[in-house]
Amino acid sequence: MYIIKVKGVAKIPDYVQLRDDKFTLLAYFRVDRPDKSLEKIGLGEKSEYIMNLVKDLPFGKIVKLEL
């Protein structure tokens, strides 16, 4: 799984994308509201770990997420 943080512009907020190994989009959520999206794909229990990673992740960098 891969994680990407996307910088918002003007009134559009920052977003996070979670993609599988074939780079198919699994989840797309605002940085400040990850709960429902992570629950929906079965990663609710990993949300704290994922969001700590997102906090330090630079915008536009693709990082392999090992869960």
PDB file of N, CA and C in Angstrom:
ATOM      1  N   MET A   1       0.846  -1.169   0.000  1.00  0.00           N
ATOM      2  CA  MET A   1       0.000   0.000   0.000  1.00  0.00           C
ATOM      3  C   MET A   1       0.894   1.235   0.000  1.00  0.00           C
ATOM      4  N   TYR A   2       0.434   2.272  -0.664  1.00  0.00           N
ATOM      5  CA  TYR A   2       1.181   3.522  -0.756  1.00  0.00           C
ATOM      6  C   TYR A   2       0.348   4.668  -0.198  1.00  0.00           C
ATOM      7  N   ILE A   3       1.035   5.679   0.317  1.00  0.00           N
ATOM      8  CA  ILE A   3       0.369   6.846   0.881  1.00  0.00           C
ATOM      9  C   ILE A   3       0.977   8.103   0.250  1.00  0.00           C
ATOM     10  N   ILE A   4       0.108   9.054  -0.077  1.00  0.00           N
ATOM     11  CA  ILE A   4       0.519  10.309  -0.704  1.00  0.00           C
ATOM     12  C   ILE A   4      -0.242  11.448  -0.025  1.00  0.00           C
ATOM     13  N   LYS A   5       0.460  12.505   0.337  1.00  0.00           N
ATOM     14  CA  LYS A   5      -0.190  13.689   0.898  1.00  0.00           C
ATOM     15  C   LYS A   5      -0.224  14.763  -0.187  1.00  0.00           C
ATOM     16  N   VAL A   6      -1.428  15.275  -0.462  1.00  0.00           N
ATOM     17  CA  VAL A   6      -1.650  16.236  -1.538  1.00  0.00           C
ATOM     18  C   VAL A   6      -1.949  17.609  -0.935  1.00  0.00           C
ATOM     19  N   LYS A   7      -1.205  18.608  -1.381  1.00  0.00           N
ATOM     20  CA  LYS A   7      -1.369  19.974  -0.876  1.00  0.00           C
ATOM     21  C   LYS A   7      -2.599  20.624  -1.485  1.00  0.00           C
ATOM     22  N   GLY A   8      -3.450  21.166  -0.648  1.00  0.00           N
ATOM     23  CA  GLY A   8      -4.609  21.900  -1.119  1.00  0.00           C
ATOM     24  C   GLY A   8      -4.218  23.307  -1.525  1.00  0.00           C
ATOM     25  N   VAL A   9      -5.079  23.955  -2.296  1.00  0.00           N
ATOM     26  CA  VAL A   9      -4.827  25.336  -2.711  1.00  0.00           C
ATOM     27  C   VAL A   9      -6.047  26.186  -2.375  1.00  0.00           C
ATOM     28  N   ALA A  10      -5.794  27.417  -2.002  1.00  0.00           N
ATOM     29  CA  ALA A  10      -6.851  28.367  -1.642  1.00  0.00           C
ATOM     30  C   ALA A  10      -7.793  27.768  -0.599  1.00  0.00           C
ATOM     31  N   LYS A  11      -9.063  27.548  -0.954  1.00  0.00           N
ATOM     32  CA  LYS A  11     -10.045  27.021   0.002  1.00  0.00           C
ATOM     33  C   LYS A  11     -10.116  25.498   0.008  1.00  0.00           C
ATOM     34  N   ILE A  12      -9.353  24.838  -0.853  1.00  0.00           N
ATOM     35  CA  ILE A  12      -9.346  23.373  -0.912  1.00  0.00           C
ATOM     36  C   ILE A  12      -8.341  22.862   0.134  1.00  0.00           C
ATOM     37  N   PRO A  13      -8.772  21.983   1.038  1.00  0.00           N
ATOM     38  CA  PRO A  13      -7.881  21.513   2.107  1.00  0.00           C
ATOM     39  C   PRO A  13      -6.869  20.470   1.607  1.00  0.00           C
ATOM     40  N   ASP A  14      -5.911  20.144   2.468  1.00  0.00           N
ATOM     41  CA  ASP A  14      -4.943  19.097   2.167  1.00  0.00           C
ATOM     42  C   ASP A  14      -5.638  17.736   2.240  1.00  0.00           C
ATOM     43  N   TYR A  15      -5.220  16.814   1.379  1.00  0.00           N
ATOM     44  CA  TYR A  15      -5.804  15.486   1.323  1.00  0.00           C
ATOM     45  C   TYR A  15      -4.737  14.413   1.392  1.00  0.00           C
ATOM     46  N   VAL A  16      -5.167  13.195   1.721  1.00  0.00           N
ATOM     47  CA  VAL A  16      -4.303  12.020   1.735  1.00  0.00           C
ATOM     48  C   VAL A  16      -4.922  10.986   0.811  1.00  0.00           C
ATOM     49  N   GLN A  17      -4.075  10.323   0.028  1.00  0.00           N
ATOM     50  CA  GLN A  17      -4.511   9.220  -0.822  1.00  0.00           C
ATOM     51  C   GLN A  17      -3.851   7.949  -0.329  1.00  0.00           C
ATOM     52  N   LEU A  18      -4.627   6.877  -0.231  1.00  0.00           N
ATOM     53  CA  LEU A  18      -4.094   5.545   0.021  1.00  0.00           C
ATOM     54  C   LEU A  18      -4.321   4.730  -1.233  1.00  0.00           C
ATOM     55  N   ARG A  19      -3.261   4.106  -1.729  1.00  0.00           N
ATOM     56  CA  ARG A  19      -3.343   3.333  -2.969  1.00  0.00           C
ATOM     57  C   ARG A  19      -2.753   1.950  -2.747  1.00  0.00           C
ATOM     58  N   ASP A  20      -3.292   0.950  -3.484  1.00  0.00           N
ATOM     59  CA  ASP A  20      -2.776  -0.408  -3.351  1.00  0.00           C
ATOM     60  C   ASP A  20      -1.521  -0.580  -4.204  1.00  0.00           C
ATOM     61  N   ASP A  21      -0.998  -1.811  -4.267  1.00  0.00           N
ATOM     62  CA  ASP A  21       0.246  -2.072  -4.985  1.00  0.00           C
ATOM     63  C   ASP A  21       0.124  -1.876  -6.491  1.00  0.00           C
ATOM     64  N   LYS A  22      -1.093  -1.923  -7.018  1.00  0.00           N
ATOM     65  CA  LYS A  22      -1.321  -1.637  -8.438  1.00  0.00           C
ATOM     66  C   LYS A  22      -1.654  -0.164  -8.655  1.00  0.00           C
ATOM     67  N   PHE A  23      -1.550   0.614  -7.586  1.00  0.00           N
ATOM     68  CA  PHE A  23      -1.776   2.047  -7.545  1.00  0.00           C
ATOM     69  C   PHE A  23      -3.236   2.438  -7.753  1.00  0.00           C
ATOM     70  N   THR A  24      -4.146   1.523  -7.450  1.00  0.00           N
ATOM     71  CA  THR A  24      -5.577   1.813  -7.469  1.00  0.00           C
ATOM     72  C   THR A  24      -5.931   2.588  -6.204  1.00  0.00           C
ATOM     73  N   LEU A  25      -6.728   3.625  -6.344  1.00  0.00           N
ATOM     74  CA  LEU A  25      -7.123   4.450  -5.213  1.00  0.00           C
ATOM     75  C   LEU A  25      -8.019   3.664  -4.260  1.00  0.00           C
ATOM     76  N   LEU A  26      -7.604   3.554  -3.001  1.00  0.00           N
ATOM     77  CA  LEU A  26      -8.389   2.865  -1.971  1.00  0.00           C
ATOM     78  C   LEU A  26      -9.151   3.857  -1.100  1.00  0.00           C
ATOM     79  N   ALA A  27      -8.508   4.964  -0.772  1.00  0.00           N
ATOM     80  CA  ALA A  27      -9.137   5.976   0.087  1.00  0.00           C
ATOM     81  C   ALA A  27      -8.570   7.345  -0.248  1.00  0.00           C
ATOM     82  N   TYR A  28      -9.412   8.353  -0.116  1.00  0.00           N
ATOM     83  CA  TYR A  28      -9.060   9.741  -0.371  1.00  0.00           C
ATOM     84  C   TYR A  28      -9.766  10.540   0.703  1.00  0.00           C
ATOM     85  N   PHE A  29      -9.012  11.155   1.609  1.00  0.00           N
ATOM     86  CA  PHE A  29      -9.646  11.847   2.727  1.00  0.00           C
ATOM     87  C   PHE A  29      -8.861  13.083   3.135  1.00  0.00           C
ATOM     88  N   ARG A  30      -9.575  13.997   3.782  1.00  0.00           N
ATOM     89  CA  ARG A  30      -8.943  15.206   4.300  1.00  0.00           C
ATOM     90  C   ARG A  30      -8.020  14.832   5.451  1.00  0.00           C
ATOM     91  N   VAL A  31      -6.931  15.578   5.568  1.00  0.00           N
ATOM     92  CA  VAL A  31      -5.955  15.326   6.626  1.00  0.00           C
ATOM     93  C   VAL A  31      -6.602  15.446   8.003  1.00  0.00           C
ATOM     94  N   ASP A  32      -7.549  16.358   8.161  1.00  0.00           N
ATOM     95  CA  ASP A  32      -8.177  16.577   9.466  1.00  0.00           C
ATOM     96  C   ASP A  32      -9.393  15.687   9.721  1.00  0.00           C
ATOM     97  N   ARG A  33      -9.810  14.847   8.756  1.00  0.00           N
ATOM     98  CA  ARG A  33     -10.981  13.975   8.940  1.00  0.00           C
ATOM     99  C   ARG A  33     -10.764  12.588   8.324  1.00  0.00           C
ATOM    100  N   PRO A  34      -9.878  11.786   8.901  1.00  0.00           N
ATOM    101  CA  PRO A  34      -9.576  10.484   8.304  1.00  0.00           C
ATOM    102  C   PRO A  34     -10.491   9.339   8.746  1.00  0.00           C
ATOM    103  N   ASP A  35     -11.231   9.506   9.824  1.00  0.00           N
ATOM    104  CA  ASP A  35     -11.887   8.386  10.500  1.00  0.00           C
ATOM    105  C   ASP A  35     -12.796   7.539   9.622  1.00  0.00           C
ATOM    106  N   LYS A  36     -13.775   8.126   8.966  1.00  0.00           N
ATOM    107  CA  LYS A  36     -14.741   7.334   8.198  1.00  0.00           C
ATOM    108  C   LYS A  36     -14.079   6.605   7.031  1.00  0.00           C
ATOM    109  N   SER A  37     -13.174   7.251   6.347  1.00  0.00           N
ATOM    110  CA  SER A  37     -12.514   6.630   5.200  1.00  0.00           C
ATOM    111  C   SER A  37     -11.659   5.436   5.622  1.00  0.00           C
ATOM    112  N   LEU A  38     -10.923   5.586   6.715  1.00  0.00           N
ATOM    113  CA  LEU A  38     -10.084   4.483   7.177  1.00  0.00           C
ATOM    114  C   LEU A  38     -10.929   3.332   7.712  1.00  0.00           C
ATOM    115  N   GLU A  39     -12.023   3.636   8.378  1.00  0.00           N
ATOM    116  CA  GLU A  39     -12.939   2.591   8.850  1.00  0.00           C
ATOM    117  C   GLU A  39     -13.526   1.822   7.669  1.00  0.00           C
ATOM    118  N   LYS A  40     -13.891   2.544   6.630  1.00  0.00           N
ATOM    119  CA  LYS A  40     -14.535   1.953   5.460  1.00  0.00           C
ATOM    120  C   LYS A  40     -13.647   0.918   4.768  1.00  0.00           C
ATOM    121  N   ILE A  41     -12.319   1.143   4.749  1.00  0.00           N
ATOM    122  CA  ILE A  41     -11.424   0.187   4.099  1.00  0.00           C
ATOM    123  C   ILE A  41     -10.776  -0.776   5.096  1.00  0.00           C
ATOM    124  N   GLY A  42     -11.244  -0.760   6.345  1.00  0.00           N
ATOM    125  CA  GLY A  42     -10.783  -1.720   7.343  1.00  0.00           C
ATOM    126  C   GLY A  42      -9.487  -1.352   8.043  1.00  0.00           C
ATOM    127  N   LEU A  43      -9.120  -0.084   8.043  1.00  0.00           N
ATOM    128  CA  LEU A  43      -7.887   0.344   8.696  1.00  0.00           C
ATOM    129  C   LEU A  43      -8.155   1.262   9.889  1.00  0.00           C
ATOM    130  N   GLY A  44      -9.339   1.189  10.447  1.00  0.00           N
ATOM    131  CA  GLY A  44      -9.690   2.038  11.582  1.00  0.00           C
ATOM    132  C   GLY A  44      -8.763   1.881  12.763  1.00  0.00           C
ATOM    133  N   GLU A  45      -8.324   0.649  13.038  1.00  0.00           N
ATOM    134  CA  GLU A  45      -7.438   0.404  14.175  1.00  0.00           C
ATOM    135  C   GLU A  45      -6.025   0.913  13.916  1.00  0.00           C
ATOM    136  N   LYS A  46      -5.684   1.188  12.671  1.00  0.00           N
ATOM    137  CA  LYS A  46      -4.355   1.697  12.310  1.00  0.00           C
ATOM    138  C   LYS A  46      -4.357   3.205  12.065  1.00  0.00           C
ATOM    139  N   SER A  47      -5.479   3.873  12.323  1.00  0.00           N
ATOM    140  CA  SER A  47      -5.595   5.294  11.974  1.00  0.00           C
ATOM    141  C   SER A  47      -4.575   6.166  12.709  1.00  0.00           C
ATOM    142  N   GLU A  48      -4.299   5.887  13.969  1.00  0.00           N
ATOM    143  CA  GLU A  48      -3.331   6.696  14.714  1.00  0.00           C
ATOM    144  C   GLU A  48      -1.935   6.571  14.096  1.00  0.00           C
ATOM    145  N   TYR A  49      -1.538   5.357  13.738  1.00  0.00           N
ATOM    146  CA  TYR A  49      -0.240   5.121  13.097  1.00  0.00           C
ATOM    147  C   TYR A  49      -0.164   5.844  11.745  1.00  0.00           C
ATOM    148  N   ILE A  50      -1.207   5.705  10.942  1.00  0.00           N
ATOM    149  CA  ILE A  50      -1.244   6.321   9.614  1.00  0.00           C
ATOM    150  C   ILE A  50      -1.191   7.842   9.725  1.00  0.00           C
ATOM    151  N   MET A  51      -1.961   8.416  10.627  1.00  0.00           N
ATOM    152  CA  MET A  51      -2.003   9.871  10.748  1.00  0.00           C
ATOM    153  C   MET A  51      -0.702  10.435  11.326  1.00  0.00           C
ATOM    154  N   ASN A  52      -0.008   9.698  12.177  1.00  0.00           N
ATOM    155  CA  ASN A  52       1.310  10.134  12.645  1.00  0.00           C
ATOM    156  C   ASN A  52       2.299  10.149  11.487  1.00  0.00           C
ATOM    157  N   LEU A  53       2.191   9.171  10.599  1.00  0.00           N
ATOM    158  CA  LEU A  53       3.031   9.134   9.406  1.00  0.00           C
ATOM    159  C   LEU A  53       2.707  10.308   8.481  1.00  0.00           C
ATOM    160  N   VAL A  54       1.424  10.599   8.305  1.00  0.00           N
ATOM    161  CA  VAL A  54       0.978  11.697   7.433  1.00  0.00           C
ATOM    162  C   VAL A  54       1.490  13.038   7.961  1.00  0.00           C
ATOM    163  N   LYS A  55       1.503  13.208   9.262  1.00  0.00           N
ATOM    164  CA  LYS A  55       1.921  14.468   9.876  1.00  0.00           C
ATOM    165  C   LYS A  55       3.336  14.857   9.441  1.00  0.00           C
ATOM    166  N   ASP A  56       4.234  13.888   9.321  1.00  0.00           N
ATOM    167  CA  ASP A  56       5.623  14.157   8.959  1.00  0.00           C
ATOM    168  C   ASP A  56       5.916  13.975   7.474  1.00  0.00           C
ATOM    169  N   LEU A  57       4.931  13.545   6.715  1.00  0.00           N
ATOM    170  CA  LEU A  57       5.112  13.268   5.295  1.00  0.00           C
ATOM    171  C   LEU A  57       5.128  14.568   4.481  1.00  0.00           C
ATOM    172  N   PRO A  58       6.143  14.753   3.629  1.00  0.00           N
ATOM    173  CA  PRO A  58       6.131  15.951   2.773  1.00  0.00           C
ATOM    174  C   PRO A  58       5.069  15.826   1.680  1.00  0.00           C
ATOM    175  N   PHE A  59       4.578  16.957   1.220  1.00  0.00           N
ATOM    176  CA  PHE A  59       3.557  16.955   0.171  1.00  0.00           C
ATOM    177  C   PHE A  59       4.129  16.391  -1.127  1.00  0.00           C
ATOM    178  N   GLY A  60       3.330  15.552  -1.794  1.00  0.00           N
ATOM    179  CA  GLY A  60       3.695  15.030  -3.100  1.00  0.00           C
ATOM    180  C   GLY A  60       4.617  13.835  -3.106  1.00  0.00           C
ATOM    181  N   LYS A  61       5.121  13.425  -1.966  1.00  0.00           N
ATOM    182  CA  LYS A  61       6.022  12.277  -1.913  1.00  0.00           C
ATOM    183  C   LYS A  61       5.209  10.995  -1.727  1.00  0.00           C
ATOM    184  N   ILE A  62       5.528   9.980  -2.513  1.00  0.00           N
ATOM    185  CA  ILE A  62       4.857   8.679  -2.412  1.00  0.00           C
ATOM    186  C   ILE A  62       5.696   7.801  -1.483  1.00  0.00           C
ATOM    187  N   VAL A  63       5.044   7.256  -0.458  1.00  0.00           N
ATOM    188  CA  VAL A  63       5.734   6.423   0.525  1.00  0.00           C
ATOM    189  C   VAL A  63       5.041   5.068   0.617  1.00  0.00           C
ATOM    190  N   LYS A  64       5.826   3.998   0.624  1.00  0.00           N
ATOM    191  CA  LYS A  64       5.274   2.663   0.790  1.00  0.00           C
ATOM    192  C   LYS A  64       4.876   2.512   2.254  1.00  0.00           C
ATOM    193  N   LEU A  65       3.647   2.093   2.469  1.00  0.00           N
ATOM    194  CA  LEU A  65       3.080   1.944   3.807  1.00  0.00           C
ATOM    195  C   LEU A  65       3.081   0.463   4.169  1.00  0.00           C
ATOM    196  N   GLU A  66       3.850   0.109   5.182  1.00  0.00           N
ATOM    197  CA  GLU A  66       3.916  -1.274   5.652  1.00  0.00           C
ATOM    198  C   GLU A  66       3.033  -1.418   6.890  1.00  0.00           C
ATOM    199  N   LEU A  67       1.965  -2.200   6.760  1.00  0.00           N
ATOM    200  CA  LEU A  67       1.058  -2.413   7.893  1.00  0.00           C
ATOM    201  C   LEU A  67       1.111  -3.837   8.368  1.00  0.00           C
TER     202      LEU A  67
END
